[in-house]
C-alpha atoms as a PDB file:
ATOM      1  CA  MET A   1     192.777 -24.312 -26.845  1.00  0.00           C
ATOM      2  CA  ALA A   2     195.899 -24.659 -28.963  1.00  0.00           C
ATOM      3  CA  LEU A   3     197.736 -22.482 -26.439  1.00  0.00           C
ATOM      4  CA  ILE A   4     196.854 -24.924 -23.678  1.00  0.00           C
ATOM      5  CA  THR A   5     197.728 -28.134 -25.498  1.00  0.00           C
ATOM      6  CA  GLU A   6     200.507 -26.640 -27.671  1.00  0.00           C
ATOM      7  CA  GLU A   7     199.023 -28.667 -30.494  1.00  0.00           C
ATOM      8  CA  PRO A   8     196.572 -27.845 -33.307  1.00  0.00           C
ATOM      9  CA  VAL A   9     193.004 -28.625 -32.342  1.00  0.00           C
ATOM     10  CA  SER A  10     190.674 -30.181 -34.894  1.00  0.00           C
ATOM     11  CA  ALA A  11     187.065 -29.188 -35.410  1.00  0.00           C
ATOM     12  CA  GLN A  12     186.053 -32.609 -34.101  1.00  0.00           C
ATOM     13  CA  THR A  13     188.007 -32.057 -30.882  1.00  0.00           C
ATOM     14  CA  VAL A  14     186.452 -28.637 -30.392  1.00  0.00           C
ATOM     15  CA  SER A  15     183.002 -30.121 -30.972  1.00  0.00           C
ATOM     16  CA  ARG A  16     183.661 -32.915 -28.465  1.00  0.00           C
ATOM     17  CA  LEU A  17     184.956 -30.496 -25.832  1.00  0.00           C
ATOM     18  CA  THR A  18     181.976 -28.226 -26.417  1.00  0.00           C
ATOM     19  CA  ARG A  19     179.541 -31.098 -25.870  1.00  0.00           C
ATOM     20  CA  SER A  20     181.428 -32.107 -22.735  1.00  0.00           C
ATOM     21  CA  LEU A  21     181.302 -28.565 -21.356  1.00  0.00           C
ATOM     22  CA  ASP A  22     177.612 -28.292 -22.205  1.00  0.00           C
ATOM     23  CA  GLY A  23     176.983 -31.485 -20.249  1.00  0.00           C
ATOM     24  CA  MET A  24     178.925 -30.195 -17.252  1.00  0.00           C
ATOM     25  CA  ALA A  25     176.949 -26.938 -17.335  1.00  0.00           C
ATOM     26  CA  GLN A  26     173.664 -28.853 -17.371  1.00  0.00           C
ATOM     27  CA  GLN A  27     174.800 -30.922 -14.387  1.00  0.00           C
ATOM     28  CA  PHE A  28     175.744 -27.703 -12.579  1.00  0.00           C
ATOM     29  CA  HIS A  29     172.234 -26.307 -13.099  1.00  0.00           C
ATOM     30  CA  ARG A  30     170.593 -29.560 -11.941  1.00  0.00           C
ATOM     31  CA  ARG A  31     172.793 -30.521  -8.999  1.00  0.00           C
ATOM     32  CA  LEU A  32     171.255 -30.882  -5.558  1.00  0.00           C
ATOM     33  CA  LEU A  33     172.006 -27.987  -3.214  1.00  0.00           C
ATOM     34  CA  LYS A  34     172.833 -28.116   0.480  1.00  0.00           C
ATOM     35  CA  ASP A  35     170.724 -25.905   2.703  1.00  0.00           C
ATOM     36  CA  GLU A  36     173.812 -24.415   4.322  1.00  0.00           C
ATOM     37  CA  TRP A  37     173.709 -20.745   3.395  1.00  0.00           C
ATOM     38  CA  ALA A  38     173.440 -18.043   6.057  1.00  0.00           C
ATOM     39  CA  TYR A  39     173.401 -15.101   3.655  1.00  0.00           C
ATOM     40  CA  LEU A  40     172.216 -14.942   0.056  1.00  0.00           C
ATOM     41  CA  MET A  41     172.959 -12.167  -2.426  1.00  0.00           C
ATOM     42  CA  LEU A  42     170.869 -11.911  -5.583  1.00  0.00           C
ATOM     43  CA  ASP A  43     171.460  -9.658  -8.574  1.00  0.00           C
ATOM     44  CA  GLY A  44     171.395  -9.533 -12.361  1.00  0.00           C
ATOM     45  CA  VAL A  45     174.187  -8.858 -14.854  1.00  0.00           C
ATOM     46  CA  TYR A  46     173.918  -8.054 -18.561  1.00  0.00           C
ATOM     47  CA  LEU A  47     176.258  -9.523 -21.181  1.00  0.00           C
ATOM     48  CA  LYS A  48     176.502  -8.963 -24.924  1.00  0.00           C
ATOM     49  CA  VAL A  49     175.447 -11.759 -27.285  1.00  0.00           C
ATOM     50  CA  ARG A  50     175.584 -11.842 -31.089  1.00  0.00           C
ATOM     51  CA  GLN A  51     172.313 -12.977 -32.646  1.00  0.00           C
ATOM     52  CA  ASN A  52     171.504 -12.886 -36.364  1.00  0.00           C
ATOM     53  CA  SER A  53     174.404 -10.495 -37.021  1.00  0.00           C
ATOM     54  CA  GLN A  54     173.164  -8.172 -34.299  1.00  0.00           C
ATOM     55  CA  VAL A  55     174.621  -7.578 -30.863  1.00  0.00           C
ATOM     56  CA  LYS A  56     172.038  -7.807 -28.096  1.00  0.00           C
ATOM     57  CA  ARG A  57     172.183  -7.834 -24.330  1.00  0.00           C
ATOM     58  CA  THR A  58     171.231 -10.905 -22.355  1.00  0.00           C
ATOM     59  CA  LEU A  59     170.479 -10.916 -18.659  1.00  0.00           C
ATOM     60  CA  LEU A  60     171.801 -13.410 -16.132  1.00  0.00           C
ATOM     61  CA  LEU A  61     170.064 -13.791 -12.778  1.00  0.00           C
ATOM     62  CA  VAL A  62     172.723 -14.810 -10.251  1.00  0.00           C
ATOM     63  CA  ALA A  63     172.691 -16.277  -6.741  1.00  0.00           C
ATOM     64  CA  TYR A  64     175.751 -15.897  -4.500  1.00  0.00           C
ATOM     65  CA  GLY A  65     175.864 -17.606  -1.109  1.00  0.00           C
ATOM     66  CA  LEU A  66     177.810 -17.012   2.087  1.00  0.00           C
ATOM     67  CA  ARG A  67     178.023 -19.611   4.851  1.00  0.00           C
ATOM     68  CA  ALA A  68     178.179 -18.624   8.503  1.00  0.00           C
ATOM     69  CA  ASP A  69     181.961 -19.214   8.505  1.00  0.00           C
ATOM     70  CA  GLY A  70     182.469 -16.762   5.622  1.00  0.00           C
ATOM     71  CA  SER A  71     183.119 -19.307   2.868  1.00  0.00           C
ATOM     72  CA  ARG A  72     181.227 -18.460  -0.287  1.00  0.00           C
ATOM     73  CA  GLU A  73     180.097 -19.753  -3.647  1.00  0.00           C
ATOM     74  CA  LEU A  74     178.441 -18.608  -6.846  1.00  0.00           C
ATOM     75  CA  ILE A  75     175.492 -20.978  -6.523  1.00  0.00           C
ATOM     76  CA  ASP A  76     173.801 -20.710  -9.903  1.00  0.00           C
ATOM     77  CA  PHE A  77     172.721 -18.451 -12.758  1.00  0.00           C
ATOM     78  CA  LEU A  78     169.837 -18.305 -15.215  1.00  0.00           C
ATOM     79  CA  ARG A  79     169.383 -16.496 -18.501  1.00  0.00           C
ATOM     80  CA  ALA A  80     166.230 -14.355 -18.438  1.00  0.00           C
ATOM     81  CA  HIS A  81     164.451 -11.725 -20.525  1.00  0.00           C
ATOM     82  CA  GLY A  82     164.119  -9.351 -17.584  1.00  0.00           C
ATOM     83  CA  GLU A  83     163.972  -8.998 -13.816  1.00  0.00           C
ATOM     84  CA  SER A  84     160.244  -9.531 -13.480  1.00  0.00           C
ATOM     85  CA  GLN A  85     158.659 -11.194 -10.478  1.00  0.00           C
ATOM     86  CA  SER A  86     157.918 -14.306 -12.535  1.00  0.00           C
ATOM     87  CA  ALA A  87     161.517 -14.554 -13.780  1.00  0.00           C
ATOM     88  CA  TRP A  88     162.941 -14.314 -10.277  1.00  0.00           C
ATOM     89  CA  GLU A  89     160.302 -16.661  -8.859  1.00  0.00           C
ATOM     90  CA  GLY A  90     161.219 -19.267 -11.444  1.00  0.00           C
ATOM     91  CA  PHE A  91     164.904 -19.000 -10.566  1.00  0.00           C
ATOM     92  CA  LEU A  92     164.365 -19.018  -6.795  1.00  0.00           C
ATOM     93  CA  ASN A  93     161.831 -21.851  -6.894  1.00  0.00           C
ATOM     94  CA  ASN A  94     164.357 -23.923  -8.814  1.00  0.00           C
ATOM     95  CA  LEU A  95     166.957 -23.328  -6.079  1.00  0.00           C
ATOM     96  CA  PHE A  96     164.370 -24.087  -3.406  1.00  0.00           C
ATOM     97  CA  HIS A  97     163.283 -27.414  -4.907  1.00  0.00           C
ATOM     98  CA  ARG A  98     166.904 -28.470  -5.425  1.00  0.00           C
ATOM     99  CA  GLY A  99     167.558 -28.092  -1.699  1.00  0.00           C
ATOM    100  CA  LEU A 100     168.042 -24.421  -0.835  1.00  0.00           C
ATOM    101  CA  ARG A 101     165.026 -24.354   1.485  1.00  0.00           C
ATOM    102  CA  GLY A 102     166.287 -21.364   3.435  1.00  0.00           C
ATOM    103  CA  ASP A 103     166.135 -22.942   6.903  1.00  0.00           C
ATOM    104  CA  GLN A 104     169.610 -21.559   7.670  1.00  0.00           C
ATOM    105  CA  LEU A 105     169.173 -18.251   5.848  1.00  0.00           C
ATOM    106  CA  ARG A 106     169.531 -15.206   8.070  1.00  0.00           C
ATOM    107  CA  LEU A 107     169.463 -12.469   5.414  1.00  0.00           C
ATOM    108  CA  ILE A 108     168.926 -11.983   1.679  1.00  0.00           C
ATOM    109  CA  VAL A 109     170.593  -8.930   0.105  1.00  0.00           C
ATOM    110  CA  THR A 110     169.349  -7.488  -3.205  1.00  0.00           C
ATOM    111  CA  ASP A 111     169.763  -4.397  -5.350  1.00  0.00           C
ATOM    112  CA  GLY A 112     166.198  -3.274  -4.661  1.00  0.00           C
ATOM    113  CA  CYS A 113     164.587  -4.665  -7.824  1.00  0.00           C
ATOM    114  CA  ALA A 114     160.802  -4.629  -7.296  1.00  0.00           C
ATOM    115  CA  GLY A 115     160.249  -7.916  -9.136  1.00  0.00           C
ATOM    116  CA  LEU A 116     162.864  -9.654  -7.012  1.00  0.00           C
ATOM    117  CA  ALA A 117     161.452  -8.219  -3.780  1.00  0.00           C
ATOM    118  CA  ALA A 118     158.009  -9.569  -4.701  1.00  0.00           C
ATOM    119  CA  ALA A 119     159.455 -12.986  -5.579  1.00  0.00           C
ATOM    120  CA  LEU A 120     161.185 -13.210  -2.198  1.00  0.00           C
ATOM    121  CA  GLN A 121     157.849 -12.767  -0.455  1.00  0.00           C
ATOM    122  CA  THR A 122     156.628 -15.854  -2.294  1.00  0.00           C
ATOM    123  CA  VAL A 123     159.660 -18.157  -2.033  1.00  0.00           C
ATOM    124  CA  TYR A 124     161.475 -17.021   1.133  1.00  0.00           C
ATOM    125  CA  PRO A 125     158.876 -14.958   3.019  1.00  0.00           C
ATOM    126  CA  ARG A 126     160.332 -15.560   6.491  1.00  0.00           C
ATOM    127  CA  VAL A 127     163.887 -14.411   5.665  1.00  0.00           C
ATOM    128  CA  LEU A 128     164.964 -10.823   6.372  1.00  0.00           C
ATOM    129  CA  HIS A 129     165.518  -8.777   3.219  1.00  0.00           C
ATOM    130  CA  GLN A 130     168.266  -6.145   3.004  1.00  0.00           C
ATOM    131  CA  ARG A 131     168.235  -3.582   0.197  1.00  0.00           C
ATOM    132  CA  CYS A 132     171.630  -2.503  -1.109  1.00  0.00           C
ATOM    133  CA  TRP A 133     172.728   0.964   0.030  1.00  0.00           C
ATOM    134  CA  VAL A 134     174.982   1.469  -3.003  1.00  0.00           C
ATOM    135  CA  HIS A 135     172.044   1.059  -5.371  1.00  0.00           C
ATOM    136  CA  LYS A 136     169.820   3.173  -3.144  1.00  0.00           C
ATOM    137  CA  MET A 137     172.360   6.010  -3.092  1.00  0.00           C
ATOM    138  CA  ARG A 138     172.489   6.009  -6.901  1.00  0.00           C
ATOM    139  CA  ASN A 139     168.700   6.181  -7.045  1.00  0.00           C
ATOM    140  CA  LEU A 140     168.593   9.052  -4.586  1.00  0.00           C
ATOM    141  CA  LEU A 141     171.247  11.099  -6.341  1.00  0.00           C
ATOM    142  CA  ASP A 142     169.612  10.572  -9.740  1.00  0.00           C
ATOM    143  CA  ARG A 143     166.656  12.588  -8.433  1.00  0.00           C
ATOM    144  CA  VAL A 144     168.706  15.466  -7.050  1.00  0.00           C
ATOM    145  CA  LYS A 145     170.119  18.559  -8.727  1.00  0.00           C
ATOM    146  CA  LYS A 146     173.827  18.231  -9.367  1.00  0.00           C
ATOM    147  CA  ARG A 147     174.765  21.167  -7.148  1.00  0.00           C
ATOM    148  CA  GLU A 148     173.049  19.511  -4.163  1.00  0.00           C
ATOM    149  CA  GLN A 149     174.160  15.926  -4.711  1.00  0.00           C
ATOM    150  CA  LEU A 150     177.129  16.106  -2.346  1.00  0.00           C
ATOM    151  CA  GLN A 151     174.980  17.429   0.517  1.00  0.00           C
ATOM    152  CA  VAL A 152     172.327  14.775  -0.061  1.00  0.00           C
ATOM    153  CA  LYS A 153     174.976  12.076  -0.236  1.00  0.00           C
ATOM    154  CA  LYS A 154     176.557  13.104   3.060  1.00  0.00           C
ATOM    155  CA  GLY A 155     173.168  13.252   4.752  1.00  0.00           C
ATOM    156  CA  ALA A 156     172.162   9.800   3.497  1.00  0.00           C
ATOM    157  CA  GLN A 157     175.523   8.306   4.493  1.00  0.00           C
ATOM    158  CA  LYS A 158     174.877   9.380   8.082  1.00  0.00           C
ATOM    159  CA  ILE A 159     171.871   7.050   8.103  1.00  0.00           C
ATOM    160  CA  TYR A 160     173.691   3.803   7.315  1.00  0.00           C
ATOM    161  CA  THR A 161     176.887   4.689   9.195  1.00  0.00           C
ATOM    162  CA  ALA A 162     174.993   5.428  12.433  1.00  0.00           C
ATOM    163  CA  ARG A 163     176.021   3.539  15.564  1.00  0.00           C
ATOM    164  CA  ASP A 164     172.758   1.557  15.715  1.00  0.00           C
ATOM    165  CA  ARG A 165     169.256   1.320  14.239  1.00  0.00           C
ATOM    166  CA  LYS A 166     167.808   3.951  16.574  1.00  0.00           C
ATOM    167  CA  ALA A 167     170.516   6.446  15.627  1.00  0.00           C
ATOM    168  CA  ALA A 168     169.989   5.601  11.940  1.00  0.00           C
ATOM    169  CA  ARG A 169     166.288   6.434  12.217  1.00  0.00           C
ATOM    170  CA  ALA A 170     167.174   9.715  13.924  1.00  0.00           C
ATOM    171  CA  ALA A 171     169.590  10.498  11.078  1.00  0.00           C
ATOM    172  CA  PHE A 172     166.812   9.818   8.579  1.00  0.00           C
ATOM    173  CA  LEU A 173     164.467  12.217  10.385  1.00  0.00           C
ATOM    174  CA  ARG A 174     167.114  14.947  10.116  1.00  0.00           C
ATOM    175  CA  PHE A 175     167.548  14.080   6.420  1.00  0.00           C
ATOM    176  CA  LYS A 176     163.774  14.251   5.923  1.00  0.00           C
ATOM    177  CA  LEU A 177     163.516  17.622   7.654  1.00  0.00           C
ATOM    178  CA  GLN A 178     166.260  19.053   5.431  1.00  0.00           C
ATOM    179  CA  TRP A 179     165.156  17.705   2.042  1.00  0.00           C
ATOM    180  CA  GLN A 180     161.432  17.017   2.105  1.00  0.00           C
ATOM    181  CA  GLY A 181     160.593  20.486   0.825  1.00  0.00           C
ATOM    182  CA  SER A 182     162.931  20.249  -2.180  1.00  0.00           C
ATOM    183  CA  TYR A 183     162.563  16.557  -3.024  1.00  0.00           C
ATOM    184  CA  PRO A 184     159.364  15.159  -1.479  1.00  0.00           C
ATOM    185  CA  GLY A 185     159.240  12.153  -3.832  1.00  0.00           C
ATOM    186  CA  MET A 186     162.827  11.163  -3.120  1.00  0.00           C
ATOM    187  CA  VAL A 187     162.323  11.435   0.648  1.00  0.00           C
ATOM    188  CA  LYS A 188     159.030   9.512   0.522  1.00  0.00           C
ATOM    189  CA  GLN A 189     160.688   6.665  -1.398  1.00  0.00           C
ATOM    190  CA  LEU A 190     163.581   6.505   1.064  1.00  0.00           C
ATOM    191  CA  GLU A 191     161.149   6.460   4.012  1.00  0.00           C
ATOM    192  CA  ARG A 192     159.168   3.634   2.414  1.00  0.00           C
ATOM    193  CA  ASP A 193     162.305   1.541   1.869  1.00  0.00           C
ATOM    194  CA  LEU A 194     163.964   2.422   5.182  1.00  0.00           C
ATOM    195  CA  PRO A 195     162.978  -0.733   7.142  1.00  0.00           C
ATOM    196  CA  GLU A 196     164.615  -3.016   4.558  1.00  0.00           C
ATOM    197  CA  LEU A 197     167.599  -0.684   4.285  1.00  0.00           C
ATOM    198  CA  LEU A 198     168.279  -1.037   8.023  1.00  0.00           C
ATOM    199  CA  ASN A 199     167.940  -4.801   8.434  1.00  0.00           C
ATOM    200  CA  PHE A 200     171.739  -5.190   8.524  1.00  0.00           C
ATOM    201  CA  TYR A 201     171.611  -3.726  12.040  1.00  0.00           C
ATOM    202  CA  SER A 202     170.093  -7.052  13.180  1.00  0.00           C
ATOM    203  CA  PHE A 203     173.531  -8.666  12.896  1.00  0.00           C
ATOM    204  CA  GLU A 204     176.982  -8.407  14.432  1.00  0.00           C
ATOM    205  CA  GLU A 205     178.511  -4.956  13.956  1.00  0.00           C
ATOM    206  CA  SER A 206     181.595  -6.444  12.278  1.00  0.00           C
ATOM    207  CA  LEU A 207     179.333  -7.659   9.425  1.00  0.00           C
ATOM    208  CA  TRP A 208     177.472  -4.425   8.782  1.00  0.00           C
ATOM    209  CA  ARG A 209     179.671  -3.199   5.934  1.00  0.00           C
ATOM    210  CA  LYS A 210     179.489  -6.572   4.188  1.00  0.00           C
ATOM    211  CA  LEU A 211     175.737  -7.066   4.577  1.00  0.00           C
ATOM    212  CA  ARG A 212     174.402  -3.614   3.701  1.00  0.00           C
ATOM    213  CA  THR A 213     175.380  -3.808   0.006  1.00  0.00           C
ATOM    214  CA  THR A 214     175.597  -6.296  -2.846  1.00  0.00           C
ATOM    215  CA  ASN A 215     179.272  -5.398  -3.361  1.00  0.00           C
ATOM    216  CA  ALA A 216     180.348  -9.029  -2.898  1.00  0.00           C
ATOM    217  CA  ILE A 217     178.344 -10.258  -5.868  1.00  0.00           C
ATOM    218  CA  GLU A 218     179.162  -7.119  -7.862  1.00  0.00           C
ATOM    219  CA  ARG A 219     182.874  -7.982  -7.546  1.00  0.00           C
ATOM    220  CA  CYS A 220     182.077 -11.358  -9.087  1.00  0.00           C
ATOM    221  CA  PHE A 221     180.470  -9.556 -12.020  1.00  0.00           C
ATOM    222  CA  VAL A 222     183.646  -7.523 -12.465  1.00  0.00           C
ATOM    223  CA  GLU A 223     185.525 -10.810 -12.813  1.00  0.00           C
ATOM    224  CA  VAL A 224     182.972 -12.129 -15.322  1.00  0.00           C
ATOM    225  CA  ARG A 225     183.267  -8.985 -17.441  1.00  0.00           C
ATOM    226  CA  ARG A 226     187.079  -9.041 -17.259  1.00  0.00           C
ATOM    227  CA  ARG A 227     187.245 -12.618 -18.465  1.00  0.00           C
ATOM    228  CA  THR A 228     184.669 -12.172 -21.223  1.00  0.00           C
ATOM    229  CA  ARG A 229     185.888  -8.782 -22.485  1.00  0.00           C
ATOM    230  CA  PRO A 230     188.457 -10.262 -24.943  1.00  0.00           C
ATOM    231  CA  MET A 231     185.588 -12.179 -26.574  1.00  0.00           C
ATOM    232  CA  VAL A 232     183.807  -8.858 -27.340  1.00  0.00           C
ATOM    233  CA  THR A 233     180.500 -10.749 -27.648  1.00  0.00           C
ATOM    234  CA  PHE A 234     179.320 -14.305 -27.240  1.00  0.00           C
ATOM    235  CA  VAL A 235     178.656 -16.129 -30.493  1.00  0.00           C
ATOM    236  CA  ASN A 236     175.228 -17.432 -29.412  1.00  0.00           C
ATOM    237  CA  MET A 237     173.095 -18.181 -26.384  1.00  0.00           C
ATOM    238  CA  ALA A 238     174.559 -21.668 -25.902  1.00  0.00           C
ATOM    239  CA  SER A 239     178.033 -20.178 -25.624  1.00  0.00           C
ATOM    240  CA  VAL A 240     176.828 -17.929 -22.786  1.00  0.00           C
ATOM    241  CA  ASP A 241     175.947 -20.914 -20.598  1.00  0.00           C
ATOM    242  CA  ARG A 242     179.133 -22.867 -21.144  1.00  0.00           C
ATOM    243  CA  ILE A 243     181.490 -19.896 -20.775  1.00  0.00           C
ATOM    244  CA  ILE A 244     179.769 -18.444 -17.709  1.00  0.00           C
ATOM    245  CA  PHE A 245     179.669 -21.919 -16.176  1.00  0.00           C
ATOM    246  CA  ALA A 246     183.430 -22.227 -16.744  1.00  0.00           C
ATOM    247  CA  ILE A 247     184.043 -18.801 -15.163  1.00  0.00           C
ATOM    248  CA  PHE A 248     181.809 -19.591 -12.179  1.00  0.00           C
ATOM    249  CA  SER A 249     183.524 -22.936 -11.667  1.00  0.00           C
ATOM    250  CA  ALA A 250     186.970 -21.309 -11.739  1.00  0.00           C
ATOM    251  CA  TYR A 251     185.798 -18.655  -9.263  1.00  0.00           C
ATOM    252  CA  ASN A 252     184.399 -21.270  -6.882  1.00  0.00           C
ATOM    253  CA  GLN A 253     187.556 -23.358  -7.028  1.00  0.00           C
ATOM    254  CA  LYS A 254     189.677 -20.301  -6.269  1.00  0.00           C
ATOM    255  CA  HIS A 255     187.542 -18.601  -3.615  1.00  0.00           C
ATOM    256  CA  GLY A 256     185.033 -21.175  -2.358  1.00  0.00           C
ATOM    257  CA  LYS A 257     187.076 -22.429   0.579  1.00  0.00           C
ATOM    258  CA  ARG A 258     188.494 -19.043   1.555  1.00  0.00           C
ATOM    259  CA  ALA A 259     186.541 -17.663   4.483  1.00  0.00           C
ATOM    260  CA  LEU A 260     186.044 -13.911   4.551  1.00  0.00           C
ATOM    261  CA  SER A 261     187.849 -12.581   7.619  1.00  0.00           C
ATOM    262  CA  LEU A 262     184.894 -10.443   8.760  1.00  0.00           C
ATOM    263  CA  PHE A 263     182.807 -13.582   9.246  1.00  0.00           C
ATOM    264  CA  THR A 264     185.467 -15.508  11.121  1.00  0.00           C
ATOM    265  CA  GLN A 265     185.841 -12.529  13.460  1.00  0.00           C
ATOM    266  CA  ALA A 266     182.102 -12.512  14.099  1.00  0.00           C
ATOM    267  CA  ALA A 267     181.921 -16.248  14.792  1.00  0.00           C
END
């Protein structure tokens, strides 16, 4: 703070600013939301927090919205103990009752977390759900011998880079024929998840790359980690809320009104 004001800052000033920031963060979490989002990306990010002289990880559940014109916003976050169905339901129900009813939602993109998928069926059951291909590829390759990972990767990539949904299903059948004998569990899991992995094909082709992964929200997490890295760890849980709120607010001010070109092309 002294670097900003070029003057020494008293403990009283720091305390007053902290209370002010805490109040702003509370208002952020309670503000009414416009039901204007066409696409919603949901994911969790872990941060380090110092508690009782020990460094522990704390989880943030995060909602990132995209409007039909490509403008975007980090909508909200919530500290949670894990990504259970109840944790995600609590977060999503809070967004819903504050105004994010989902009447304009066309697609919700997630990392494939089972608890989150179950929560979506409760809060936004009528909205298409897209599972992230980046996360799915990691899961697939984790179950494959190292010497065969490249082949499996290339085969799986042919599914989501196919020219349409029909061609993607044909690519999966070829993948299944090649790998079912060696990795039946991996193939069975991919087949089970395939419908939600191909929902991006329901939209304009120019949006496919953007909608088939959670990369957009992951890039926000990169920014959060970059800005918090010099702090090493947060001092306590209260500091997590105020600092993440400040980072989210800065991100929204910088990027919120900038429409992603892919969406303006699809309009």
